[in-house]
């Protein structure tokens, strides 16, 4: 994910849901990354703002479509 602006596509309250969404994006060929502020899972009590799923800004419209479709089909 070099040299491209990243945008938050969704924010989740747990790693499991964020991972499922990231897997759906990867299956659609969209690179993504998860960002959280919990010391890499070592200190979950530090979590305050959610777990963000980020994609390249140019991939955001397709990522929204993928996640919306995954949500309605699941």
Protein backbone atom coordinates (compact mmCIF):
# COMPACT_ATOMS: atom_id res chain seq x y z
CA UNK A 1 0.00 0.00 0.00
CA UNK A 2 2.71 2.40 -1.02
CA UNK A 3 2.33 6.05 -2.03
CA UNK A 4 -1.43 6.27 -1.74
CA UNK A 5 -3.74 8.03 0.68
CA UNK A 6 -5.50 5.67 3.05
CA UNK A 7 -9.08 6.14 4.18
CA UNK A 8 -11.09 4.48 6.92
CA UNK A 9 -13.79 2.43 5.25
CA UNK A 10 -15.35 0.98 8.41
CA UNK A 11 -14.78 1.02 12.17
CA UNK A 12 -15.48 -2.10 14.22
CA UNK A 13 -15.74 -2.86 17.92
CA UNK A 14 -13.81 -6.14 17.76
CA UNK A 15 -10.99 -7.80 15.84
CA UNK A 16 -13.15 -10.66 14.62
CA UNK A 17 -15.57 -8.46 12.66
CA UNK A 18 -12.71 -6.37 11.30
CA UNK A 19 -10.95 -9.53 10.15
CA UNK A 20 -14.06 -10.84 8.39
CA UNK A 21 -14.43 -7.56 6.50
CA UNK A 22 -10.76 -7.53 5.59
CA UNK A 23 -11.03 -11.08 4.26
CA UNK A 24 -14.00 -10.06 2.09
CA UNK A 25 -11.97 -7.19 0.65
CA UNK A 26 -8.97 -9.43 -0.01
CA UNK A 27 -11.22 -11.93 -1.80
CA UNK A 28 -12.33 -9.07 -4.06
CA UNK A 29 -8.71 -8.12 -4.76
CA UNK A 30 -8.66 -5.02 -2.56
CA UNK A 31 -5.65 -4.51 -0.32
CA UNK A 32 -6.53 -3.33 3.18
CA UNK A 33 -5.10 -2.98 6.63
CA UNK A 34 -6.43 -2.92 10.16
CA UNK A 35 -5.46 -0.17 12.58
CA UNK A 36 -6.20 -0.29 16.29
CA UNK A 37 -4.75 1.33 19.36
CA UNK A 38 -4.55 -1.61 21.75
CA UNK A 39 -0.81 -2.36 21.72
CA UNK A 40 -1.19 -5.11 19.14
CA UNK A 41 -3.88 -6.87 21.17
CA UNK A 42 -1.72 -7.00 24.28
CA UNK A 43 -3.76 -4.35 26.08
CA UNK A 44 -7.38 -4.57 24.90
CA UNK A 45 -8.49 -2.26 27.71
CA UNK A 46 -6.68 0.59 25.90
CA UNK A 47 -9.14 0.33 23.02
CA UNK A 48 -11.07 3.57 22.83
CA UNK A 49 -11.90 4.53 19.28
CA UNK A 50 -12.63 1.24 17.57
CA UNK A 51 -10.73 -0.85 15.08
CA UNK A 52 -10.38 0.85 11.72
CA UNK A 53 -10.31 -0.91 8.36
CA UNK A 54 -8.34 1.15 5.85
CA UNK A 55 -8.09 1.00 2.06
CA UNK A 56 -6.54 3.17 -0.63
CA UNK A 57 -8.72 6.15 -1.41
CA UNK A 58 -9.13 5.01 -5.01
CA UNK A 59 -10.36 1.59 -3.80
CA UNK A 60 -12.90 3.05 -1.34
CA UNK A 61 -15.97 3.05 -3.63
CA UNK A 62 -15.47 -0.60 -4.65
CA UNK A 63 -14.64 -1.56 -1.05
CA UNK A 64 -17.92 0.01 0.12
CA UNK A 65 -19.75 -1.97 -2.54
CA UNK A 66 -18.06 -5.22 -1.49
CA UNK A 67 -18.75 -4.70 2.21
CA UNK A 68 -22.34 -3.64 1.62
CA UNK A 69 -22.92 -6.72 -0.51
CA UNK A 70 -21.25 -8.98 2.03
CA UNK A 71 -23.45 -7.48 4.74
CA UNK A 72 -26.74 -8.07 2.90
CA UNK A 73 -25.83 -11.56 1.74
CA UNK A 74 -24.59 -12.72 5.14
